[in-house]
Amino acid sequence: MTLIFLDTEFTNLTFQSELISIALVDEAGNGFYGECDDFNKNTCSDFVYQNVIPQLGNLPTIVDTLISVRGNYHQIARSVYEFIESYKDDSYKVTIVTDVAYYDWKFFFKLPCFKPNLPEYISPFPIDLNSMILARNGTTDISRNSLSSFPESIHGIKLHHAYYDAMLLKECYFELMSTES
């Protein structure tokens, strides 16, 4: 199984929410970060205005193994597809790991590049970190930064930047797996 860690940022917590940014990071640290420039800012929640919007435009260029793209929703979807398609020849099925699958998986799955179905090499069953934390601790109200030694910021990006959150998710996942009882 090849794990790819997914995080998204979106306008609000309603069914009409729009994708703002998406990041994918594999186990080796290869990554993709896409930022939409055509979402409706008028639908953003106060939380998004305070935590996500200020970090937009900060396209990570911190590693050679990261693809960063800014464009409209369909350009981002196409770039996600091109990134994820590079895993189709792996001998293992790709499994997506999310923080909260209810949100992140929804945005990934409904990208137009995956209509009408996900490619066969992508498992339709994501791993949900939130459920792992709930099973372990009886609550999900735990700071993800407290689950690992991942820095509070890297190269000017921090919590609620999709790329930062995908890397933090990867660290938290492996920390939980290494302390599995």
N, C-alpha and C. Protein backbone atom coordinates (compact mmCIF):
# COMPACT_ATOMS: atom_id res chain seq x y z
N MET A 1 0.85 -1.18 0.00
CA MET A 1 0.00 0.00 0.00
C MET A 1 0.90 1.24 0.00
N THR A 2 0.59 2.15 -0.88
CA THR A 2 1.26 3.45 -0.92
C THR A 2 0.36 4.45 -0.24
N LEU A 3 0.88 5.14 0.77
CA LEU A 3 0.08 6.14 1.48
C LEU A 3 0.34 7.52 0.91
N ILE A 4 -0.74 8.27 0.68
CA ILE A 4 -0.65 9.67 0.29
C ILE A 4 -1.51 10.46 1.26
N PHE A 5 -0.90 11.45 1.88
CA PHE A 5 -1.55 12.26 2.91
C PHE A 5 -2.18 13.49 2.25
N LEU A 6 -3.47 13.66 2.47
CA LEU A 6 -4.28 14.68 1.81
C LEU A 6 -4.80 15.70 2.81
N ASP A 7 -4.68 16.97 2.45
CA ASP A 7 -5.36 18.01 3.22
C ASP A 7 -5.95 19.02 2.25
N THR A 8 -7.09 19.56 2.65
CA THR A 8 -7.74 20.61 1.86
C THR A 8 -8.10 21.77 2.77
N GLU A 9 -8.18 22.92 2.17
CA GLU A 9 -8.76 24.09 2.83
C GLU A 9 -9.94 24.50 1.96
N PHE A 10 -11.01 24.94 2.60
CA PHE A 10 -12.25 25.22 1.88
C PHE A 10 -12.96 26.39 2.54
N THR A 11 -13.97 26.93 1.85
CA THR A 11 -14.55 28.21 2.24
C THR A 11 -15.33 28.20 3.54
N ASN A 12 -16.00 27.10 3.85
CA ASN A 12 -16.82 27.04 5.06
C ASN A 12 -17.24 25.60 5.31
N LEU A 13 -18.00 25.36 6.35
CA LEU A 13 -18.40 24.00 6.70
C LEU A 13 -19.81 23.65 6.22
N THR A 14 -20.26 24.26 5.13
CA THR A 14 -21.59 23.95 4.60
C THR A 14 -21.46 23.05 3.37
N PHE A 15 -22.61 22.56 2.90
CA PHE A 15 -22.60 21.72 1.71
C PHE A 15 -22.23 22.50 0.44
N GLN A 16 -22.35 23.81 0.48
CA GLN A 16 -22.01 24.64 -0.67
C GLN A 16 -20.55 25.09 -0.65
N SER A 17 -19.78 24.57 0.25
CA SER A 17 -18.38 24.97 0.39
C SER A 17 -17.60 24.73 -0.89
N GLU A 18 -16.61 25.58 -1.12
CA GLU A 18 -15.75 25.47 -2.30
C GLU A 18 -14.30 25.21 -1.87
N LEU A 19 -13.59 24.48 -2.71
CA LEU A 19 -12.18 24.20 -2.48
C LEU A 19 -11.36 25.47 -2.63
N ILE A 20 -10.47 25.70 -1.66
CA ILE A 20 -9.52 26.81 -1.73
C ILE A 20 -8.14 26.27 -2.11
N SER A 21 -7.69 25.24 -1.40
CA SER A 21 -6.38 24.67 -1.69
C SER A 21 -6.37 23.19 -1.33
N ILE A 22 -5.43 22.48 -1.93
CA ILE A 22 -5.32 21.04 -1.72
C ILE A 22 -3.84 20.66 -1.73
N ALA A 23 -3.48 19.75 -0.85
CA ALA A 23 -2.10 19.26 -0.80
C ALA A 23 -2.09 17.75 -0.65
N LEU A 24 -1.13 17.14 -1.29
CA LEU A 24 -0.91 15.69 -1.22
C LEU A 24 0.58 15.48 -0.96
N VAL A 25 0.90 14.63 0.00
CA VAL A 25 2.29 14.33 0.34
C VAL A 25 2.42 12.83 0.51
N ASP A 26 3.40 12.22 -0.18
CA ASP A 26 3.58 10.78 -0.01
C ASP A 26 4.55 10.48 1.13
N GLU A 27 4.76 9.21 1.39
CA GLU A 27 5.59 8.80 2.52
C GLU A 27 7.03 9.27 2.39
N ALA A 28 7.52 9.44 1.16
CA ALA A 28 8.89 9.88 0.94
C ALA A 28 9.04 11.40 0.96
N GLY A 29 7.92 12.10 1.07
CA GLY A 29 7.96 13.56 1.11
C GLY A 29 7.70 14.24 -0.22
N ASN A 30 7.47 13.47 -1.28
CA ASN A 30 7.09 14.06 -2.56
C ASN A 30 5.71 14.66 -2.40
N GLY A 31 5.51 15.85 -2.96
CA GLY A 31 4.24 16.50 -2.71
C GLY A 31 3.69 17.33 -3.84
N PHE A 32 2.42 17.68 -3.66
CA PHE A 32 1.69 18.56 -4.57
C PHE A 32 0.94 19.57 -3.72
N TYR A 33 0.96 20.83 -4.16
CA TYR A 33 0.15 21.86 -3.52
C TYR A 33 -0.52 22.67 -4.61
N GLY A 34 -1.84 22.73 -4.55
CA GLY A 34 -2.61 23.50 -5.52
C GLY A 34 -3.48 24.52 -4.83
N GLU A 35 -3.52 25.70 -5.39
CA GLU A 35 -4.29 26.80 -4.80
C GLU A 35 -5.24 27.34 -5.87
N CYS A 36 -6.53 27.32 -5.56
CA CYS A 36 -7.55 27.82 -6.49
C CYS A 36 -7.61 29.34 -6.42
N ASP A 37 -7.75 29.96 -7.58
CA ASP A 37 -7.86 31.41 -7.60
C ASP A 37 -9.28 31.86 -7.99
N ASP A 38 -10.21 30.91 -8.07
CA ASP A 38 -11.56 31.27 -8.52
C ASP A 38 -12.66 30.91 -7.52
N PHE A 39 -12.30 30.68 -6.26
CA PHE A 39 -13.35 30.39 -5.27
C PHE A 39 -14.02 31.71 -4.86
N ASN A 40 -15.24 31.60 -4.35
CA ASN A 40 -16.01 32.78 -3.97
C ASN A 40 -15.63 33.22 -2.56
N LYS A 41 -14.85 34.27 -2.45
CA LYS A 41 -14.40 34.75 -1.14
C LYS A 41 -15.56 35.23 -0.27
N ASN A 42 -16.67 35.58 -0.87
CA ASN A 42 -17.84 36.05 -0.11
C ASN A 42 -18.48 34.94 0.72
N THR A 43 -18.15 33.68 0.41
CA THR A 43 -18.72 32.56 1.17
C THR A 43 -17.79 32.05 2.27
N CYS A 44 -16.65 32.68 2.44
CA CYS A 44 -15.68 32.23 3.44
C CYS A 44 -16.16 32.55 4.86
N SER A 45 -15.96 31.61 5.74
CA SER A 45 -16.28 31.81 7.14
C SER A 45 -15.26 32.75 7.78
N ASP A 46 -15.59 33.26 8.96
CA ASP A 46 -14.63 34.10 9.70
C ASP A 46 -13.34 33.33 9.98
N PHE A 47 -13.47 32.06 10.32
CA PHE A 47 -12.30 31.22 10.58
C PHE A 47 -11.37 31.19 9.37
N VAL A 48 -11.94 31.01 8.19
CA VAL A 48 -11.15 30.96 6.96
C VAL A 48 -10.48 32.30 6.70
N TYR A 49 -11.21 33.39 6.91
CA TYR A 49 -10.62 34.73 6.72
C TYR A 49 -9.45 34.96 7.67
N GLN A 50 -9.53 34.42 8.88
CA GLN A 50 -8.49 34.64 9.87
C GLN A 50 -7.30 33.69 9.71
N ASN A 51 -7.54 32.46 9.27
CA ASN A 51 -6.50 31.44 9.31
C ASN A 51 -5.99 30.93 7.95
N VAL A 52 -6.83 30.97 6.94
CA VAL A 52 -6.46 30.41 5.64
C VAL A 52 -6.10 31.50 4.64
N ILE A 53 -6.98 32.48 4.47
CA ILE A 53 -6.77 33.54 3.46
C ILE A 53 -5.41 34.23 3.62
N PRO A 54 -4.97 34.57 4.85
CA PRO A 54 -3.66 35.24 4.97
C PRO A 54 -2.48 34.42 4.45
N GLN A 55 -2.64 33.12 4.35
CA GLN A 55 -1.54 32.28 3.89
C GLN A 55 -1.57 32.00 2.38
N LEU A 56 -2.64 32.41 1.72
CA LEU A 56 -2.73 32.17 0.28
C LEU A 56 -1.69 33.00 -0.46
N GLY A 57 -1.25 32.47 -1.57
CA GLY A 57 -0.21 33.14 -2.34
C GLY A 57 1.18 32.75 -1.89
N ASN A 58 1.25 32.08 -0.76
CA ASN A 58 2.53 31.60 -0.25
C ASN A 58 2.73 30.18 -0.77
N LEU A 59 3.01 30.08 -2.07
CA LEU A 59 3.19 28.77 -2.68
C LEU A 59 4.52 28.19 -2.21
N PRO A 60 4.46 27.06 -1.54
CA PRO A 60 5.70 26.48 -1.03
C PRO A 60 6.65 26.10 -2.16
N THR A 61 7.87 26.52 -2.03
CA THR A 61 8.94 26.12 -2.97
C THR A 61 10.13 25.64 -2.15
N ILE A 62 9.82 25.00 -1.05
CA ILE A 62 10.86 24.69 -0.07
C ILE A 62 11.61 23.41 -0.34
N VAL A 63 11.07 22.57 -1.20
CA VAL A 63 11.75 21.33 -1.50
C VAL A 63 11.67 21.05 -3.00
N ASP A 64 12.64 20.34 -3.51
CA ASP A 64 12.66 20.01 -4.93
C ASP A 64 11.57 19.01 -5.31
N THR A 65 11.06 18.30 -4.32
CA THR A 65 10.09 17.24 -4.61
C THR A 65 8.65 17.71 -4.46
N LEU A 66 8.42 19.02 -4.53
CA LEU A 66 7.08 19.58 -4.40
C LEU A 66 6.67 20.28 -5.69
N ILE A 67 5.49 19.97 -6.16
CA ILE A 67 4.89 20.66 -7.30
C ILE A 67 3.88 21.64 -6.74
N SER A 68 4.03 22.93 -7.04
CA SER A 68 3.09 23.96 -6.59
C SER A 68 2.41 24.57 -7.80
N VAL A 69 1.07 24.67 -7.73
CA VAL A 69 0.29 25.20 -8.83
C VAL A 69 -0.76 26.16 -8.29
N ARG A 70 -0.95 27.27 -8.99
CA ARG A 70 -2.03 28.20 -8.69
C ARG A 70 -2.83 28.35 -9.97
N GLY A 71 -4.16 28.23 -9.87
CA GLY A 71 -4.99 28.35 -11.07
C GLY A 71 -6.45 28.18 -10.72
N ASN A 72 -7.27 28.05 -11.74
CA ASN A 72 -8.69 27.85 -11.46
C ASN A 72 -8.94 26.40 -11.02
N TYR A 73 -10.13 26.16 -10.55
CA TYR A 73 -10.50 24.85 -9.99
C TYR A 73 -10.17 23.72 -10.96
N HIS A 74 -10.50 23.87 -12.24
CA HIS A 74 -10.28 22.79 -13.20
C HIS A 74 -8.79 22.59 -13.49
N GLN A 75 -8.01 23.66 -13.47
CA GLN A 75 -6.56 23.51 -13.63
C GLN A 75 -5.96 22.77 -12.44
N ILE A 76 -6.44 23.09 -11.24
CA ILE A 76 -5.95 22.40 -10.04
C ILE A 76 -6.33 20.93 -10.10
N ALA A 77 -7.57 20.64 -10.48
CA ALA A 77 -8.03 19.25 -10.58
C ALA A 77 -7.15 18.47 -11.56
N ARG A 78 -6.85 19.06 -12.70
CA ARG A 78 -6.01 18.39 -13.70
C ARG A 78 -4.61 18.14 -13.15
N SER A 79 -4.08 19.10 -12.42
CA SER A 79 -2.74 18.95 -11.83
C SER A 79 -2.72 17.88 -10.75
N VAL A 80 -3.79 17.80 -9.95
CA VAL A 80 -3.92 16.72 -8.95
C VAL A 80 -3.90 15.38 -9.66
N TYR A 81 -4.67 15.27 -10.72
CA TYR A 81 -4.73 14.02 -11.48
C TYR A 81 -3.35 13.63 -12.01
N GLU A 82 -2.63 14.59 -12.57
CA GLU A 82 -1.31 14.30 -13.10
C GLU A 82 -0.35 13.84 -11.99
N PHE A 83 -0.45 14.48 -10.82
CA PHE A 83 0.40 14.08 -9.70
C PHE A 83 0.04 12.66 -9.24
N ILE A 84 -1.23 12.41 -9.03
CA ILE A 84 -1.65 11.12 -8.47
C ILE A 84 -1.45 9.99 -9.49
N GLU A 85 -1.55 10.33 -10.78
CA GLU A 85 -1.38 9.31 -11.82
C GLU A 85 0.05 8.75 -11.85
N SER A 86 1.00 9.51 -11.33
CA SER A 86 2.38 9.02 -11.30
C SER A 86 2.53 7.79 -10.40
N TYR A 87 1.51 7.50 -9.59
CA TYR A 87 1.54 6.34 -8.70
C TYR A 87 0.83 5.12 -9.28
N LYS A 88 0.24 5.24 -10.45
CA LYS A 88 -0.58 4.15 -10.97
C LYS A 88 0.21 2.91 -11.32
N ASP A 89 1.49 3.04 -11.59
CA ASP A 89 2.29 1.88 -11.95
C ASP A 89 2.96 1.23 -10.74
N ASP A 90 2.75 1.81 -9.55
CA ASP A 90 3.28 1.18 -8.34
C ASP A 90 2.61 -0.18 -8.17
N SER A 91 3.31 -1.08 -7.55
CA SER A 91 2.75 -2.42 -7.35
C SER A 91 1.71 -2.45 -6.23
N TYR A 92 1.57 -1.33 -5.54
CA TYR A 92 0.61 -1.27 -4.44
C TYR A 92 -0.47 -0.26 -4.74
N LYS A 93 -1.64 -0.49 -4.18
CA LYS A 93 -2.75 0.45 -4.33
C LYS A 93 -2.48 1.70 -3.49
N VAL A 94 -2.87 2.84 -4.02
CA VAL A 94 -2.74 4.11 -3.31
C VAL A 94 -3.87 4.22 -2.30
N THR A 95 -3.51 4.50 -1.06
CA THR A 95 -4.51 4.75 -0.02
C THR A 95 -4.31 6.18 0.47
N ILE A 96 -5.38 6.93 0.47
CA ILE A 96 -5.36 8.32 0.91
C ILE A 96 -5.57 8.36 2.42
N VAL A 97 -4.76 9.15 3.10
CA VAL A 97 -4.90 9.38 4.54
C VAL A 97 -5.33 10.83 4.71
N THR A 98 -6.39 11.05 5.47
CA THR A 98 -6.90 12.40 5.71
C THR A 98 -6.95 12.68 7.20
N ASP A 99 -7.08 13.94 7.55
CA ASP A 99 -7.30 14.30 8.95
C ASP A 99 -8.76 14.01 9.29
N VAL A 100 -9.66 14.59 8.54
CA VAL A 100 -11.10 14.37 8.72
C VAL A 100 -11.65 14.01 7.34
N ALA A 101 -11.87 12.73 7.11
CA ALA A 101 -12.28 12.26 5.79
C ALA A 101 -13.59 12.89 5.33
N TYR A 102 -14.47 13.19 6.26
CA TYR A 102 -15.76 13.78 5.90
C TYR A 102 -15.57 15.01 5.02
N TYR A 103 -14.55 15.80 5.28
CA TYR A 103 -14.30 16.99 4.49
C TYR A 103 -13.29 16.74 3.37
N ASP A 104 -12.10 16.31 3.72
CA ASP A 104 -11.02 16.20 2.75
C ASP A 104 -11.33 15.20 1.63
N TRP A 105 -11.85 14.04 1.99
CA TRP A 105 -12.15 13.01 0.98
C TRP A 105 -13.23 13.51 0.03
N LYS A 106 -14.20 14.25 0.57
CA LYS A 106 -15.28 14.79 -0.26
C LYS A 106 -14.70 15.67 -1.37
N PHE A 107 -13.79 16.56 -1.01
CA PHE A 107 -13.22 17.46 -2.01
C PHE A 107 -12.33 16.72 -3.00
N PHE A 108 -11.61 15.73 -2.54
CA PHE A 108 -10.76 14.93 -3.43
C PHE A 108 -11.62 14.13 -4.40
N PHE A 109 -12.59 13.43 -3.86
CA PHE A 109 -13.42 12.51 -4.64
C PHE A 109 -14.26 13.24 -5.69
N LYS A 110 -14.68 14.47 -5.38
CA LYS A 110 -15.54 15.16 -6.35
C LYS A 110 -14.77 16.00 -7.37
N LEU A 111 -13.44 15.93 -7.36
CA LEU A 111 -12.67 16.60 -8.42
C LEU A 111 -13.13 16.05 -9.77
N PRO A 112 -13.33 16.92 -10.75
CA PRO A 112 -13.84 16.44 -12.04
C PRO A 112 -12.95 15.40 -12.72
N CYS A 113 -11.68 15.37 -12.39
CA CYS A 113 -10.78 14.38 -13.00
C CYS A 113 -11.07 12.96 -12.54
N PHE A 114 -11.84 12.81 -11.48
CA PHE A 114 -12.15 11.47 -10.96
C PHE A 114 -13.59 11.06 -11.24
N LYS A 115 -14.25 11.72 -12.17
CA LYS A 115 -15.61 11.37 -12.54
C LYS A 115 -15.57 10.41 -13.71
N PRO A 116 -16.38 9.39 -13.77
CA PRO A 116 -17.41 9.05 -12.80
C PRO A 116 -16.89 8.24 -11.62
N ASN A 117 -15.67 7.70 -11.72
CA ASN A 117 -15.13 6.86 -10.64
C ASN A 117 -13.65 7.15 -10.42
N LEU A 118 -13.20 6.81 -9.22
CA LEU A 118 -11.76 6.87 -8.96
C LEU A 118 -11.05 5.84 -9.83
N PRO A 119 -9.82 6.10 -10.23
CA PRO A 119 -9.05 5.07 -10.93
C PRO A 119 -8.89 3.84 -10.03
N GLU A 120 -8.74 2.69 -10.64
CA GLU A 120 -8.65 1.43 -9.89
C GLU A 120 -7.48 1.38 -8.93
N TYR A 121 -6.43 2.12 -9.21
CA TYR A 121 -5.23 2.08 -8.36
C TYR A 121 -5.38 2.92 -7.09
N ILE A 122 -6.49 3.63 -6.94
CA ILE A 122 -6.74 4.40 -5.71
C ILE A 122 -7.81 3.68 -4.90
N SER A 123 -7.50 3.36 -3.67
CA SER A 123 -8.47 2.72 -2.80
C SER A 123 -9.64 3.68 -2.53
N PRO A 124 -10.88 3.18 -2.61
CA PRO A 124 -12.03 4.04 -2.32
C PRO A 124 -12.27 4.22 -0.82
N PHE A 125 -11.39 3.69 -0.01
CA PHE A 125 -11.54 3.75 1.44
C PHE A 125 -10.38 4.51 2.07
N PRO A 126 -10.56 5.79 2.36
CA PRO A 126 -9.46 6.55 2.97
C PRO A 126 -9.26 6.17 4.43
N ILE A 127 -8.07 6.44 4.92
CA ILE A 127 -7.77 6.30 6.34
C ILE A 127 -8.05 7.66 6.99
N ASP A 128 -8.78 7.65 8.07
CA ASP A 128 -9.20 8.88 8.74
C ASP A 128 -8.46 9.03 10.07
N LEU A 129 -7.54 9.98 10.13
CA LEU A 129 -6.75 10.20 11.36
C LEU A 129 -7.66 10.56 12.53
N ASN A 130 -8.68 11.33 12.28
CA ASN A 130 -9.60 11.74 13.34
C ASN A 130 -10.21 10.53 14.04
N SER A 131 -10.60 9.52 13.26
CA SER A 131 -11.16 8.29 13.84
C SER A 131 -10.11 7.53 14.64
N MET A 132 -8.87 7.54 14.16
CA MET A 132 -7.79 6.87 14.89
C MET A 132 -7.59 7.55 16.25
N ILE A 133 -7.62 8.88 16.26
CA ILE A 133 -7.43 9.63 17.50
C ILE A 133 -8.60 9.39 18.46
N LEU A 134 -9.80 9.37 17.93
CA LEU A 134 -10.99 9.10 18.76
C LEU A 134 -10.90 7.71 19.39
N ALA A 135 -10.52 6.71 18.62
CA ALA A 135 -10.41 5.35 19.15
C ALA A 135 -9.34 5.26 20.23
N ARG A 136 -8.27 5.99 20.07
CA ARG A 136 -7.17 5.95 21.01
C ARG A 136 -7.43 6.76 22.27
N ASN A 137 -8.04 7.96 22.12
CA ASN A 137 -8.14 8.91 23.22
C ASN A 137 -9.55 9.20 23.72
N GLY A 138 -10.56 8.69 23.02
CA GLY A 138 -11.93 8.94 23.44
C GLY A 138 -12.41 10.34 23.10
N THR A 139 -11.59 11.12 22.41
CA THR A 139 -11.95 12.47 21.98
C THR A 139 -11.13 12.82 20.74
N THR A 140 -11.65 13.76 19.96
CA THR A 140 -10.87 14.25 18.82
C THR A 140 -10.38 15.66 19.07
N ASP A 141 -10.70 16.18 20.24
CA ASP A 141 -10.33 17.55 20.58
C ASP A 141 -8.88 17.60 21.08
N ILE A 142 -7.98 17.25 20.18
CA ILE A 142 -6.55 17.20 20.51
C ILE A 142 -5.80 17.93 19.40
N SER A 143 -4.95 18.86 19.77
CA SER A 143 -4.14 19.59 18.80
C SER A 143 -3.25 18.61 18.05
N ARG A 144 -3.27 18.69 16.73
CA ARG A 144 -2.42 17.79 15.94
C ARG A 144 -0.95 18.08 16.20
N ASN A 145 -0.60 19.32 16.49
CA ASN A 145 0.80 19.63 16.80
C ASN A 145 1.27 18.92 18.06
N SER A 146 0.35 18.64 18.99
CA SER A 146 0.74 17.97 20.23
C SER A 146 1.00 16.48 20.01
N LEU A 147 0.63 15.95 18.86
CA LEU A 147 0.80 14.53 18.58
C LEU A 147 2.16 14.20 17.97
N SER A 148 2.91 15.21 17.61
CA SER A 148 4.21 14.96 17.00
C SER A 148 5.17 16.10 17.36
N SER A 149 6.38 15.95 16.92
CA SER A 149 7.38 17.00 17.17
C SER A 149 7.54 17.90 15.94
N PHE A 150 6.54 17.91 15.08
CA PHE A 150 6.57 18.73 13.87
C PHE A 150 6.61 20.20 14.27
N PRO A 151 7.43 21.03 13.59
CA PRO A 151 7.55 22.44 13.97
C PRO A 151 6.24 23.22 13.78
N GLU A 152 6.09 24.30 14.54
CA GLU A 152 4.87 25.13 14.48
C GLU A 152 4.73 25.85 13.15
N SER A 153 5.84 26.08 12.45
CA SER A 153 5.79 26.67 11.11
C SER A 153 7.05 26.25 10.36
N ILE A 154 6.94 26.26 9.04
CA ILE A 154 8.10 25.96 8.20
C ILE A 154 8.07 26.90 7.01
N HIS A 155 9.15 27.60 6.81
CA HIS A 155 9.30 28.50 5.66
C HIS A 155 8.09 29.41 5.46
N GLY A 156 7.57 29.93 6.56
CA GLY A 156 6.49 30.91 6.47
C GLY A 156 5.09 30.32 6.37
N ILE A 157 4.96 29.01 6.36
CA ILE A 157 3.61 28.42 6.37
C ILE A 157 3.38 27.72 7.69
N LYS A 158 2.12 27.66 8.08
CA LYS A 158 1.78 27.09 9.38
C LYS A 158 0.41 26.41 9.30
N LEU A 159 -0.11 26.05 10.45
CA LEU A 159 -1.39 25.37 10.54
C LEU A 159 -2.44 26.09 9.70
N HIS A 160 -3.24 25.30 8.99
CA HIS A 160 -4.31 25.76 8.10
C HIS A 160 -3.80 26.22 6.74
N HIS A 161 -2.57 25.89 6.43
CA HIS A 161 -2.06 25.93 5.05
C HIS A 161 -2.08 24.46 4.63
N ALA A 162 -2.73 24.14 3.52
CA ALA A 162 -2.94 22.73 3.16
C ALA A 162 -1.64 21.93 3.10
N TYR A 163 -0.57 22.51 2.58
CA TYR A 163 0.68 21.76 2.49
C TYR A 163 1.26 21.50 3.88
N TYR A 164 1.27 22.51 4.72
CA TYR A 164 1.74 22.31 6.09
C TYR A 164 0.91 21.23 6.78
N ASP A 165 -0.41 21.32 6.64
CA ASP A 165 -1.30 20.37 7.32
C ASP A 165 -1.11 18.95 6.79
N ALA A 166 -0.85 18.78 5.49
CA ALA A 166 -0.61 17.44 4.95
C ALA A 166 0.68 16.85 5.52
N MET A 167 1.71 17.68 5.65
CA MET A 167 2.97 17.19 6.24
C MET A 167 2.77 16.87 7.73
N LEU A 168 2.02 17.71 8.45
CA LEU A 168 1.72 17.45 9.86
C LEU A 168 0.91 16.16 9.98
N LEU A 169 -0.05 15.96 9.10
CA LEU A 169 -0.86 14.75 9.10
C LEU A 169 0.01 13.51 8.96
N LYS A 170 0.98 13.57 8.04
CA LYS A 170 1.90 12.45 7.85
C LYS A 170 2.66 12.14 9.14
N GLU A 171 3.18 13.18 9.78
CA GLU A 171 3.91 12.98 11.03
C GLU A 171 3.02 12.39 12.12
N CYS A 172 1.81 12.91 12.25
CA CYS A 172 0.87 12.42 13.27
C CYS A 172 0.49 10.97 13.02
N TYR A 173 0.24 10.63 11.77
CA TYR A 173 -0.12 9.26 11.41
C TYR A 173 0.98 8.29 11.83
N PHE A 174 2.20 8.59 11.45
CA PHE A 174 3.29 7.66 11.78
C PHE A 174 3.58 7.64 13.28
N GLU A 175 3.36 8.75 13.95
CA GLU A 175 3.52 8.76 15.41
C GLU A 175 2.45 7.87 16.06
N LEU A 176 1.21 7.99 15.63
CA LEU A 176 0.15 7.13 16.18
C LEU A 176 0.41 5.66 15.87
N MET A 177 0.87 5.38 14.66
CA MET A 177 1.15 3.98 14.29
C MET A 177 2.32 3.42 15.08
N SER A 178 3.31 4.23 15.40
CA SER A 178 4.46 3.73 16.13
C SER A 178 4.17 3.50 17.61
N THR A 179 3.13 4.17 18.12
CA THR A 179 2.76 4.00 19.52
C THR A 179 1.51 3.16 19.69
N GLU A 180 1.10 2.48 18.61
CA GLU A 180 -0.10 1.63 18.63
C GLU A 180 0.07 0.57 19.72
N SER A 181 -0.96 0.46 20.54
CA SER A 181 -0.87 -0.56 21.61
C SER A 181 -1.65 -1.78 21.32
